[in-house]
N, C-alpha and C. Protein backbone atom coordinates (compact mmCIF):
# COMPACT_ATOMS: atom_id res chain seq x y z
N MET A 1 74.52 140.01 59.09
CA MET A 1 75.18 139.04 58.15
C MET A 1 75.62 137.85 58.53
N HIS A 2 75.21 136.55 57.75
CA HIS A 2 75.18 135.11 58.58
C HIS A 2 77.06 134.86 57.86
N GLU A 3 78.14 134.26 59.07
CA GLU A 3 79.24 134.19 58.73
C GLU A 3 79.70 132.64 58.43
N ARG A 4 80.27 132.43 57.76
CA ARG A 4 80.68 131.04 57.59
C ARG A 4 82.08 130.65 57.82
N GLY A 5 81.92 129.77 59.05
CA GLY A 5 83.59 128.97 59.40
C GLY A 5 84.36 128.63 58.30
N PRO A 6 85.47 128.61 58.29
CA PRO A 6 86.47 127.72 57.64
C PRO A 6 85.95 126.55 57.23
N PRO A 7 86.43 125.45 56.80
CA PRO A 7 87.39 126.31 55.02
C PRO A 7 86.19 126.41 53.99
N MET A 8 85.49 127.13 54.33
CA MET A 8 84.20 127.31 53.81
C MET A 8 84.38 128.77 52.98
N SER A 9 84.41 129.83 53.30
CA SER A 9 85.05 131.21 52.19
C SER A 9 86.25 131.37 51.95
N ALA A 10 86.90 131.31 50.85
CA ALA A 10 88.13 131.25 50.55
C ALA A 10 88.66 130.08 51.21
N PRO A 11 88.47 129.37 49.93
CA PRO A 11 88.95 127.84 50.23
C PRO A 11 90.43 128.10 50.43
N ILE A 12 90.79 126.74 51.01
CA ILE A 12 92.50 126.78 51.41
C ILE A 12 92.56 126.13 50.17
N THR A 13 92.29 124.63 49.76
CA THR A 13 92.92 124.01 48.57
C THR A 13 93.14 125.06 47.00
N TYR A 14 94.30 125.16 46.58
CA TYR A 14 94.30 125.01 45.00
C TYR A 14 94.01 123.68 44.47
N ARG A 15 93.35 123.69 43.75
CA ARG A 15 93.34 122.14 42.98
C ARG A 15 93.56 122.18 41.58
N GLY A 16 94.46 121.60 41.43
CA GLY A 16 95.02 121.52 39.56
C GLY A 16 94.56 120.42 39.33
N SER A 17 93.29 119.75 40.07
CA SER A 17 92.55 118.39 39.45
C SER A 17 91.67 119.45 38.40
N ILE A 18 91.06 120.65 38.39
CA ILE A 18 90.38 121.26 37.48
C ILE A 18 90.60 121.14 36.07
N THR A 19 91.93 120.46 36.10
CA THR A 19 92.18 120.41 34.02
C THR A 19 91.00 119.13 33.99
N ARG A 20 91.32 118.05 34.66
CA ARG A 20 90.45 116.76 34.79
C ARG A 20 89.01 116.90 34.96
N GLU A 21 88.39 117.74 35.75
CA GLU A 21 87.13 117.78 36.34
C GLU A 21 86.41 118.63 35.35
N GLN A 22 87.29 119.88 35.31
CA GLN A 22 86.25 121.27 34.71
C GLN A 22 85.22 121.93 35.26
N TRP A 23 84.31 121.43 33.90
CA TRP A 23 82.70 122.58 34.18
C TRP A 23 81.70 121.50 35.09
N LEU A 24 81.64 120.03 34.80
CA LEU A 24 80.95 119.04 35.02
C LEU A 24 79.44 119.90 35.20
N VAL A 25 79.23 120.77 34.78
CA VAL A 25 77.27 121.20 34.99
C VAL A 25 76.53 119.63 35.09
N ASP A 26 76.24 118.86 33.81
CA ASP A 26 75.63 118.14 34.37
C ASP A 26 75.69 117.08 34.96
N GLU A 27 76.87 116.62 35.33
CA GLU A 27 77.04 115.80 36.26
C GLU A 27 76.84 115.96 37.63
N THR A 28 77.38 117.15 37.75
CA THR A 28 76.75 118.06 39.15
C THR A 28 75.45 117.91 39.55
N ARG A 29 74.61 118.46 38.10
CA ARG A 29 72.96 118.09 38.30
C ARG A 29 72.79 116.43 38.64
N THR A 30 73.14 116.06 38.08
CA THR A 30 72.93 114.65 38.11
C THR A 30 73.32 114.27 39.58
N VAL A 31 74.55 114.62 40.09
CA VAL A 31 74.77 114.13 41.73
C VAL A 31 73.67 115.16 42.85
N ALA A 32 73.35 115.77 42.43
CA ALA A 32 72.87 116.72 43.59
C ALA A 32 71.07 116.47 43.49
N ARG A 33 70.53 116.08 42.20
CA ARG A 33 69.73 115.05 42.28
C ARG A 33 69.14 114.17 42.74
N LEU A 34 70.50 113.15 43.05
CA LEU A 34 70.95 111.43 43.69
C LEU A 34 71.00 111.95 44.92
N ARG A 35 71.41 113.22 45.16
CA ARG A 35 71.68 113.48 46.90
C ARG A 35 70.05 113.82 47.71
N LEU A 36 69.72 114.60 46.84
CA LEU A 36 68.31 115.34 47.15
C LEU A 36 66.87 114.11 47.44
N GLU A 37 67.40 113.06 46.67
CA GLU A 37 65.96 111.80 46.28
C GLU A 37 66.56 110.87 47.25
N ASP A 38 67.53 110.78 47.50
CA ASP A 38 68.34 109.93 48.93
C ASP A 38 69.11 109.99 49.52
N PRO A 39 68.77 109.78 50.90
CA PRO A 39 69.85 110.50 51.86
C PRO A 39 70.85 109.32 51.73
N ALA A 40 70.56 108.01 51.39
CA ALA A 40 72.14 106.77 51.40
C ALA A 40 73.18 107.07 50.50
N LEU A 41 72.33 108.15 49.98
CA LEU A 41 73.37 108.20 48.20
C LEU A 41 74.55 109.51 48.71
N LEU A 42 74.30 110.31 50.27
CA LEU A 42 75.45 111.44 50.89
C LEU A 42 76.92 110.59 51.03
N ASP A 43 76.90 108.86 50.82
CA ASP A 43 77.89 108.38 51.10
C ASP A 43 78.53 108.42 49.77
N THR A 44 79.88 108.55 49.49
CA THR A 44 80.21 109.25 48.43
C THR A 44 81.02 107.64 47.34
N ARG A 45 81.22 107.06 48.52
CA ARG A 45 80.81 105.55 48.10
C ARG A 45 79.70 104.96 47.36
N VAL A 46 79.04 104.55 48.36
CA VAL A 46 77.28 104.45 47.53
C VAL A 46 76.97 105.19 46.34
N LEU A 47 77.36 106.30 46.55
CA LEU A 47 76.95 107.53 45.21
C LEU A 47 77.82 107.23 44.19
N ALA A 48 79.37 106.92 43.95
CA ALA A 48 79.59 106.41 42.91
C ALA A 48 79.36 105.34 42.24
N ALA A 49 79.20 104.07 43.22
CA ALA A 49 78.47 102.77 42.86
C ALA A 49 77.14 102.63 42.05
N HIS A 50 76.49 103.36 43.07
CA HIS A 50 75.01 103.83 42.06
C HIS A 50 75.14 104.49 40.88
N ILE A 51 75.87 105.48 40.28
CA ILE A 51 76.04 105.88 39.33
C ILE A 51 76.67 104.98 38.23
N LEU A 52 77.92 104.46 38.89
CA LEU A 52 78.63 103.26 37.50
C LEU A 52 77.74 102.40 37.31
N GLU A 53 76.73 101.65 38.53
CA GLU A 53 75.70 100.72 37.98
C GLU A 53 74.68 101.13 37.28
N ASN A 54 74.02 102.34 37.29
CA ASN A 54 73.37 102.76 36.15
C ASN A 54 73.69 103.50 35.10
N ASN A 55 74.95 103.41 35.01
CA ASN A 55 75.47 104.53 33.88
C ASN A 55 74.64 105.59 34.08
N LEU A 56 74.81 106.44 35.04
CA LEU A 56 73.75 107.83 35.24
C LEU A 56 75.02 108.83 34.18
N PHE A 57 76.19 108.91 34.14
CA PHE A 57 76.83 109.99 33.63
C PHE A 57 77.40 109.66 32.14
N GLN A 58 77.13 108.73 31.69
CA GLN A 58 76.52 108.14 30.29
C GLN A 58 78.07 108.35 29.82
N TYR A 59 79.39 108.08 30.66
CA TYR A 59 80.77 107.79 29.84
C TYR A 59 81.00 106.66 29.25
N PRO A 60 81.41 106.89 28.21
CA PRO A 60 82.00 105.66 27.07
C PRO A 60 82.84 104.36 27.81
N THR A 61 83.66 104.88 29.04
CA THR A 61 84.36 103.67 29.35
C THR A 61 84.01 104.14 31.22
N GLU A 62 84.34 103.48 31.96
CA GLU A 62 84.26 103.80 33.25
C GLU A 62 84.89 104.13 34.11
N ARG A 63 86.53 104.54 33.67
CA ARG A 63 87.50 104.58 34.14
C ARG A 63 87.41 105.67 35.12
N GLU A 64 86.86 106.96 34.94
CA GLU A 64 86.99 108.24 35.63
C GLU A 64 85.72 107.92 36.29
N VAL A 65 84.24 107.72 36.12
CA VAL A 65 83.08 107.62 36.63
C VAL A 65 83.46 107.71 38.21
N GLY A 66 84.33 106.85 38.96
CA GLY A 66 83.77 107.21 40.62
C GLY A 66 84.80 109.15 40.99
N SER A 67 86.18 108.86 39.79
CA SER A 67 86.24 110.31 40.60
C SER A 67 85.57 111.48 40.33
N ILE A 68 84.95 111.27 39.27
CA ILE A 68 84.03 112.89 38.86
C ILE A 68 83.01 112.78 40.11
N ALA A 69 82.40 111.58 40.20
CA ALA A 69 81.32 111.48 41.14
C ALA A 69 81.88 112.06 42.34
N ARG A 70 82.79 111.76 43.20
CA ARG A 70 83.45 112.35 44.39
C ARG A 70 83.80 113.62 43.75
N ALA A 71 84.31 114.50 42.64
CA ALA A 71 84.85 115.70 42.73
C ALA A 71 83.28 116.54 42.66
N CYS A 72 82.05 115.80 42.13
CA CYS A 72 80.79 116.61 42.29
C CYS A 72 80.78 116.82 43.45
N ALA A 73 80.52 115.71 44.27
CA ALA A 73 79.70 115.82 45.84
C ALA A 73 80.95 116.78 46.78
N ARG A 74 81.94 116.64 46.11
CA ARG A 74 82.92 117.41 47.25
C ARG A 74 82.14 119.12 46.89
N ARG A 75 82.18 119.49 45.32
CA ARG A 75 82.20 120.91 45.25
C ARG A 75 80.21 121.30 46.08
N LEU A 76 79.23 120.43 46.00
CA LEU A 76 78.53 120.43 46.39
C LEU A 76 78.21 120.42 48.19
N ASP A 77 79.29 119.62 49.01
CA ASP A 77 79.55 119.96 50.19
C ASP A 77 80.00 121.30 50.84
N ALA A 78 81.01 121.39 49.76
CA ALA A 78 81.57 122.93 49.82
C ALA A 78 80.74 124.46 49.12
N LEU A 79 79.35 124.42 49.12
CA LEU A 79 78.98 124.83 49.37
C LEU A 79 78.19 126.04 50.14
N SER A 80 78.21 125.00 51.41
CA SER A 80 77.65 125.72 52.57
C SER A 80 78.04 124.76 53.74
N SER A 81 78.61 125.00 55.33
CA SER A 81 78.69 124.70 56.24
C SER A 81 77.43 124.43 57.16
N ASP A 82 76.90 125.15 56.59
CA ASP A 82 74.75 125.16 56.92
C ASP A 82 74.47 123.94 56.89
N PRO A 83 73.52 123.31 57.24
CA PRO A 83 73.32 122.21 56.37
C PRO A 83 71.60 122.59 55.66
N ASP A 84 71.18 123.36 56.04
CA ASP A 84 69.38 123.90 55.62
C ASP A 84 70.54 125.19 54.09
N ARG A 85 71.25 125.88 54.35
CA ARG A 85 71.53 126.39 53.30
C ARG A 85 72.27 125.57 52.68
N ARG A 86 73.15 124.52 52.33
CA ARG A 86 73.85 123.93 51.90
C ARG A 86 72.64 122.77 51.06
N ASP A 87 71.14 122.67 51.25
CA ASP A 87 70.68 122.03 50.80
C ASP A 87 69.54 122.87 49.82
N ARG A 88 69.53 124.50 49.95
CA ARG A 88 69.04 125.32 49.23
C ARG A 88 69.67 125.31 48.20
N LEU A 89 71.28 125.71 48.07
CA LEU A 89 71.88 126.00 47.00
C LEU A 89 72.01 124.35 45.87
N THR A 90 71.96 123.22 46.64
CA THR A 90 71.63 122.16 46.08
C THR A 90 70.42 122.12 45.52
N HIS A 91 69.56 122.38 45.93
CA HIS A 91 67.94 122.28 45.07
C HIS A 91 68.24 123.35 43.75
N LEU A 92 68.84 124.69 43.76
CA LEU A 92 69.22 125.27 42.74
C LEU A 92 70.04 124.51 41.84
N ILE A 93 70.56 123.67 41.96
CA ILE A 93 71.72 123.12 40.94
C ILE A 93 70.75 121.93 40.57
N ALA A 94 70.01 121.30 41.33
CA ALA A 94 69.20 120.35 40.68
C ALA A 94 67.96 120.06 39.91
N ARG A 95 67.34 121.21 40.62
CA ARG A 95 66.15 121.96 40.08
C ARG A 95 65.58 122.87 39.41
N GLY A 96 66.69 123.65 39.60
CA GLY A 96 66.14 125.49 39.18
C GLY A 96 66.66 125.51 37.97
N THR A 97 66.58 126.39 37.40
CA THR A 97 66.12 126.81 36.08
C THR A 97 67.37 126.61 35.35
N THR A 98 68.16 126.68 34.15
CA THR A 98 69.32 126.42 33.28
C THR A 98 70.47 127.50 33.82
N GLU A 99 69.70 128.85 34.11
CA GLU A 99 70.69 129.97 34.61
C GLU A 99 70.98 129.53 35.86
N GLN A 100 70.00 129.48 36.81
CA GLN A 100 70.44 128.68 38.46
C GLN A 100 71.30 127.92 38.30
N LEU A 101 70.83 126.77 37.32
CA LEU A 101 71.96 125.88 37.13
C LEU A 101 73.49 126.34 37.21
N ARG A 102 73.81 126.97 36.11
CA ARG A 102 75.21 127.51 35.51
C ARG A 102 75.91 128.41 36.89
N GLN A 103 74.90 128.94 37.10
CA GLN A 103 75.63 130.20 37.98
C GLN A 103 75.60 129.48 39.52
N ALA A 104 74.71 128.53 39.66
CA ALA A 104 75.31 128.21 41.31
C ALA A 104 76.36 126.64 40.66
N ASN A 105 76.67 126.07 39.93
CA ASN A 105 77.10 125.81 39.37
C ASN A 105 79.09 126.27 39.76
N LEU A 106 78.99 127.48 38.95
CA LEU A 106 80.14 128.31 39.18
C LEU A 106 80.40 128.44 40.61
N TYR A 107 79.53 128.84 41.65
CA TYR A 107 79.28 129.16 42.95
C TYR A 107 79.98 128.27 43.78
N ALA A 108 79.56 127.26 43.37
CA ALA A 108 79.93 125.62 44.37
C ALA A 108 81.68 125.41 43.32
N LEU A 109 82.23 125.55 42.28
CA LEU A 109 83.59 125.66 41.66
C LEU A 109 84.48 126.38 42.42
N MET A 110 83.71 128.19 42.96
CA MET A 110 84.75 128.79 43.69
C MET A 110 84.94 128.25 44.84
N CYS A 111 83.74 128.03 45.74
CA CYS A 111 84.01 127.39 47.14
C CYS A 111 84.65 126.23 47.40
N ASP A 112 84.70 125.13 46.08
CA ASP A 112 85.50 124.12 46.52
C ASP A 112 87.04 124.37 45.81
N ASN A 113 87.69 125.25 45.46
CA ASN A 113 88.70 125.84 45.23
C ASN A 113 89.04 126.68 44.87
N ARG A 114 90.40 127.37 45.96
CA ARG A 114 90.70 127.91 45.99
C ARG A 114 91.37 129.47 44.35
N LEU A 115 91.73 128.40 43.55
CA LEU A 115 92.40 128.74 42.62
C LEU A 115 91.08 129.41 41.52
N VAL A 116 89.88 128.88 41.46
CA VAL A 116 88.47 129.72 41.12
C VAL A 116 87.80 130.70 41.83
N TRP A 117 88.10 130.58 42.92
CA TRP A 117 88.16 131.55 43.82
C TRP A 117 88.88 133.00 43.89
N ASP A 118 89.65 132.91 44.16
CA ASP A 118 90.85 134.19 43.66
C ASP A 118 90.48 134.26 42.26
N PHE A 119 90.39 133.42 41.29
CA PHE A 119 90.52 134.08 40.12
C PHE A 119 89.19 135.14 39.72
N MET A 120 88.35 134.60 40.36
CA MET A 120 86.67 135.44 40.33
C MET A 120 86.67 136.76 41.19
N THR A 121 87.60 136.93 42.15
CA THR A 121 87.48 137.64 43.12
C THR A 121 88.72 139.03 42.73
N CYS A 122 89.77 138.35 42.16
CA CYS A 122 90.76 138.84 41.41
C CYS A 122 90.71 139.45 40.48
N ALA A 123 90.92 138.50 39.71
CA ALA A 123 90.66 138.75 37.71
C ALA A 123 89.89 139.27 37.41
N VAL A 124 88.78 138.30 37.51
CA VAL A 124 87.06 138.79 37.06
C VAL A 124 86.67 140.18 37.69
N ALA A 125 87.04 140.07 38.98
CA ALA A 125 86.24 141.10 39.46
C ALA A 125 87.42 142.65 39.44
N GLY A 126 88.20 142.64 39.59
CA GLY A 126 89.05 143.15 39.14
C GLY A 126 88.68 144.31 37.71
N LYS A 127 88.31 143.41 36.87
CA LYS A 127 88.16 143.71 35.27
C LYS A 127 86.32 145.09 35.67
N PHE A 128 85.50 144.04 36.38
CA PHE A 128 84.58 144.68 36.07
C PHE A 128 84.49 145.95 36.77
N SER A 129 85.93 146.25 38.16
CA SER A 129 85.66 146.95 38.53
C SER A 129 86.13 148.63 38.05
N MET A 130 87.28 148.13 36.94
CA MET A 130 87.53 149.03 36.01
C MET A 130 86.79 149.41 35.18
N LEU A 131 85.89 149.02 35.06
CA LEU A 131 85.10 148.81 33.47
C LEU A 131 85.53 148.49 32.17
N ASP A 132 87.04 147.55 32.44
CA ASP A 132 87.76 147.06 31.13
C ASP A 132 86.74 145.29 30.96
N MET A 133 86.53 145.41 30.19
CA MET A 133 85.43 144.29 29.41
C MET A 133 86.40 143.16 29.12
N ARG A 134 87.55 143.79 28.57
CA ARG A 134 88.48 142.68 27.40
C ARG A 134 89.47 141.51 28.76
N LEU A 135 89.65 140.25 28.63
CA LEU A 135 90.00 139.54 29.63
C LEU A 135 91.12 138.57 28.69
N GLY A 136 91.84 138.65 28.21
CA GLY A 136 92.57 138.22 26.97
C GLY A 136 93.26 136.91 27.65
N LYS A 137 94.00 136.50 27.18
CA LYS A 137 94.66 135.13 27.09
C LYS A 137 95.72 135.16 28.36
N ALA A 138 96.57 136.04 27.22
CA ALA A 138 97.57 136.30 28.32
C ALA A 138 97.62 137.11 29.77
N GLU A 139 96.69 137.45 30.38
CA GLU A 139 96.19 138.28 31.33
C GLU A 139 95.50 136.91 32.31
N ILE A 140 94.76 135.68 31.81
CA ILE A 140 94.90 134.67 32.93
C ILE A 140 95.91 134.07 32.96
N ALA A 141 96.39 134.22 31.99
CA ALA A 141 98.12 133.57 32.05
C ALA A 141 98.90 133.76 33.01
N ALA A 142 98.92 135.37 33.03
CA ALA A 142 99.95 136.47 34.12
C ALA A 142 99.01 136.29 35.52
N PHE A 143 97.77 135.94 35.24
CA PHE A 143 97.57 135.68 37.08
C PHE A 143 97.82 134.44 37.61
N LEU A 144 98.03 133.35 36.66
CA LEU A 144 98.15 131.95 37.09
C LEU A 144 99.98 132.11 37.40
N GLU A 145 100.51 133.14 36.93
CA GLU A 145 101.85 133.14 36.74
C GLU A 145 102.01 133.53 38.34
N GLY A 146 101.61 134.77 38.44
CA GLY A 146 101.56 135.48 39.89
C GLY A 146 100.88 134.65 41.18
N LEU A 147 99.86 133.23 40.80
CA LEU A 147 99.98 132.78 41.93
C LEU A 147 100.76 131.80 41.88
N ARG A 148 101.87 131.57 41.15
CA ARG A 148 102.76 130.35 41.19
C ARG A 148 103.79 130.86 41.96
N ALA A 149 103.89 132.02 41.83
CA ALA A 149 105.18 133.13 42.90
C ALA A 149 104.61 133.10 44.54
N GLN A 150 103.53 133.10 44.84
CA GLN A 150 102.46 132.87 46.14
C GLN A 150 102.33 131.65 46.82
N ASP A 151 102.52 130.33 45.82
CA ASP A 151 101.65 129.26 46.47
C ASP A 151 103.28 128.11 46.24
N GLU A 152 103.52 127.14 46.92
CA GLU A 152 103.97 126.12 46.97
C GLU A 152 103.56 125.38 46.12
N ARG A 153 102.20 124.97 45.98
CA ARG A 153 101.79 123.75 45.31
C ARG A 153 101.63 124.01 44.31
N VAL A 154 101.20 125.46 43.55
CA VAL A 154 100.92 126.10 42.40
C VAL A 154 102.26 125.96 41.88
N ALA A 155 103.26 126.19 42.36
CA ALA A 155 104.78 126.34 41.85
C ALA A 155 105.19 125.01 41.05
N THR A 156 104.67 124.00 41.90
CA THR A 156 105.19 122.64 40.99
C THR A 156 104.37 122.36 40.18
N TRP A 157 103.35 123.07 39.38
CA TRP A 157 102.80 122.68 38.40
C TRP A 157 103.09 122.95 36.96
N SER A 158 103.30 122.04 36.20
CA SER A 158 103.76 122.67 34.73
C SER A 158 103.46 123.34 33.78
N PRO A 159 103.97 123.59 32.79
CA PRO A 159 103.82 125.47 32.34
C PRO A 159 102.16 124.34 31.31
N ALA A 160 102.24 122.94 31.22
CA ALA A 160 101.15 122.56 30.17
C ALA A 160 99.91 122.60 31.17
N THR A 161 100.30 122.34 32.39
CA THR A 161 99.05 121.93 33.24
C THR A 161 98.42 123.44 33.49
N LEU A 162 99.47 124.43 33.77
CA LEU A 162 99.07 126.06 33.67
C LEU A 162 98.24 126.44 32.43
N ASN A 163 98.61 125.78 31.52
CA ASN A 163 97.64 126.52 29.81
C ASN A 163 96.58 125.69 30.36
N LYS A 164 96.19 124.31 30.71
CA LYS A 164 95.10 124.20 30.70
C LYS A 164 94.34 124.52 31.72
N ILE A 165 94.55 124.92 32.60
CA ILE A 165 94.02 125.47 33.70
C ILE A 165 93.30 126.83 32.72
N ARG A 166 94.02 127.66 32.29
CA ARG A 166 94.07 128.77 31.76
C ARG A 166 92.43 128.40 30.87
N GLN A 167 92.77 127.33 30.12
CA GLN A 167 91.60 127.46 28.99
C GLN A 167 90.43 126.77 29.65
N VAL A 168 90.74 126.14 30.87
CA VAL A 168 89.20 125.69 31.82
C VAL A 168 88.82 127.13 32.49
N LEU A 169 89.17 127.52 33.19
CA LEU A 169 88.81 128.48 33.81
C LEU A 169 88.34 129.63 32.58
N ALA A 170 88.68 129.75 31.61
CA ALA A 170 87.95 130.50 30.01
C ALA A 170 86.83 129.96 29.82
N GLN A 171 86.39 128.59 29.71
CA GLN A 171 85.43 127.60 29.33
C GLN A 171 84.64 127.85 30.97
N CYS A 172 84.76 127.70 32.07
CA CYS A 172 83.91 128.15 32.78
C CYS A 172 83.04 129.51 32.74
N LEU A 173 83.65 130.56 32.79
CA LEU A 173 83.14 131.71 32.73
C LEU A 173 81.82 131.78 30.98
N GLU A 174 82.30 131.09 30.21
CA GLU A 174 81.87 130.68 28.84
C GLU A 174 80.81 130.03 29.30
N GLN A 175 81.05 129.23 29.76
CA GLN A 175 79.96 128.19 30.19
C GLN A 175 78.69 128.89 30.81
N CYS A 176 79.34 130.03 31.62
CA CYS A 176 77.69 130.50 32.89
C CYS A 176 77.57 131.84 32.27
N GLY A 177 78.00 132.12 30.79
CA GLY A 177 77.63 133.24 29.80
C GLY A 177 78.18 134.15 30.58
N MET A 178 79.08 134.27 30.92
CA MET A 178 80.12 135.72 31.19
C MET A 178 80.80 136.09 30.12
N TYR A 179 81.14 134.97 29.37
CA TYR A 179 82.83 135.34 28.65
C TYR A 179 82.22 134.70 26.87
N ASP A 180 82.97 135.93 26.30
CA ASP A 180 82.75 135.07 25.07
C ASP A 180 84.43 134.87 24.49
N ARG A 181 85.33 133.45 24.26
CA ARG A 181 86.01 133.25 24.10
C ARG A 181 86.79 133.78 22.31
N LYS A 182 86.11 133.73 21.92
CA LYS A 182 86.88 134.41 20.53
C LYS A 182 86.91 135.88 20.63
N THR A 183 86.08 136.57 21.16
CA THR A 183 86.54 138.01 21.36
C THR A 183 86.82 138.38 22.44
N GLU A 184 86.78 137.60 23.72
CA GLU A 184 88.11 137.77 24.94
C GLU A 184 86.70 138.82 25.58
N GLN A 185 86.18 139.24 25.41
CA GLN A 185 84.99 139.94 26.24
C GLN A 185 84.48 139.43 27.00
N LEU A 186 84.38 140.43 28.26
CA LEU A 186 83.51 139.75 29.23
C LEU A 186 81.90 140.20 29.65
N SER A 187 81.38 139.61 30.31
CA SER A 187 80.00 140.66 30.43
C SER A 187 79.21 139.93 31.76
N THR A 188 79.14 141.28 32.10
CA THR A 188 78.13 140.94 33.68
C THR A 188 77.06 140.25 33.76
N LEU A 189 76.60 139.31 35.06
CA LEU A 189 75.63 138.73 34.99
C LEU A 189 74.36 139.08 35.35
N LEU A 190 73.15 138.84 34.84
CA LEU A 190 71.97 139.13 35.80
C LEU A 190 71.76 138.04 37.00
N LEU A 191 72.64 137.88 37.91
CA LEU A 191 72.70 137.15 39.04
C LEU A 191 71.56 136.95 39.30
N ASP A 192 70.96 135.59 39.39
CA ASP A 192 69.81 134.69 40.24
C ASP A 192 69.60 135.34 41.20
N TYR A 193 68.13 135.95 41.92
CA TYR A 193 67.96 136.31 42.99
C TYR A 193 68.08 135.49 44.24
N ASP A 194 67.11 134.21 44.02
CA ASP A 194 67.83 133.16 45.11
C ASP A 194 69.17 133.11 45.09
N LEU A 195 70.26 132.99 44.15
CA LEU A 195 71.35 132.80 44.32
C LEU A 195 71.84 133.72 45.06
N GLU A 196 71.76 135.17 44.74
CA GLU A 196 72.27 136.02 45.40
C GLU A 196 72.03 136.09 47.18
N ASN A 197 71.23 136.09 46.93
CA ASN A 197 70.22 135.56 48.78
C ASN A 197 71.29 134.90 49.35
N LEU A 198 71.13 133.55 48.76
CA LEU A 198 72.02 132.58 49.15
C LEU A 198 73.33 132.72 49.32
N ILE A 199 73.87 133.37 48.69
CA ILE A 199 75.16 133.86 48.88
C ILE A 199 75.75 134.73 49.96
N ARG A 200 74.74 135.78 49.91
CA ARG A 200 74.82 136.81 51.58
C ARG A 200 74.47 136.07 52.58
N GLU A 201 73.69 135.32 52.60
CA GLU A 201 73.47 134.09 53.96
C GLU A 201 75.03 133.45 54.08
N ASN A 202 75.58 133.19 52.91
CA ASN A 202 76.48 132.58 53.50
C ASN A 202 77.53 133.23 53.96
N GLY A 203 77.22 134.81 54.00
CA GLY A 203 78.70 135.22 54.43
C GLY A 203 79.27 135.89 53.10
N ASP A 204 79.25 135.48 52.22
CA ASP A 204 79.98 135.80 51.20
C ASP A 204 79.72 136.89 50.11
N ALA A 205 78.96 137.78 50.50
CA ALA A 205 79.04 139.15 49.55
C ALA A 205 80.12 139.71 49.01
N GLY A 206 81.00 139.02 49.61
CA GLY A 206 82.44 139.88 49.27
C GLY A 206 82.79 139.26 47.85
N ILE A 207 82.34 138.16 47.58
CA ILE A 207 82.26 138.30 45.96
C ILE A 207 81.33 138.56 44.70
N LEU A 208 80.45 139.05 45.36
CA LEU A 208 79.15 139.72 44.59
C LEU A 208 80.14 140.69 43.16
N PRO A 209 81.45 141.04 43.23
CA PRO A 209 81.43 142.21 42.26
C PRO A 209 82.78 141.30 41.11
N ALA A 210 83.09 139.82 41.97
CA ALA A 210 83.10 138.81 40.40
C ALA A 210 82.05 138.64 39.30
N PHE A 211 80.80 138.61 39.86
CA PHE A 211 79.14 138.58 39.15
C PHE A 211 79.19 139.97 38.73
N GLY A 212 79.93 141.24 38.50
CA GLY A 212 79.64 142.63 38.28
C GLY A 212 78.42 143.14 39.28
N LEU A 213 78.59 142.64 40.62
CA LEU A 213 77.44 143.51 40.95
C LEU A 213 78.51 143.91 42.35
N THR A 214 77.73 145.08 42.95
CA THR A 214 78.17 145.77 44.33
C THR A 214 77.79 144.82 44.96
N ARG A 215 78.25 145.07 46.42
CA ARG A 215 78.14 144.36 47.51
C ARG A 215 76.85 144.55 48.51
């Protein structure tokens, strides 16, 4: 099995900025395509300026374009420390099917944010392992409260921030096709074959139970 070096597997940083950045699947696909097409756009400052100049995100104002472009680039960079694997994962986001895009986008979120990594590998994988397919709001809130007790950064987040994060985590699951927020029911994914292989190559087979698979 190919091992990934730090800070890749189990990323270090808990990012509360997910309240602002959220799912970003369309924006991340745009950034992935740009970076594959023009190596100059691997420079995040050049990338952000290009997106702003051409209004590629089609935001009503320019205020958040730069920060969102940087967030998308950061998530793509987090996919792998190996350039070849990172390019192949980026290609799934840039040119893959809708399912490949959504699933690889969730993986990018996990690789970039310890909060999402822990949520998927602890809360979601735990549910699948017990064959308990209900994930209620209170359970997501309890997971976040547990993190507050364990991490100094998370402990500083306000109740309003934690509530927003709870909503974003549920939305990400739903957008990937793993959750119905109305019924609070989880469902396993038919994980894309190419993505599964790349996850394994990355040394991340341990996260597969978060998608309802065995290692």
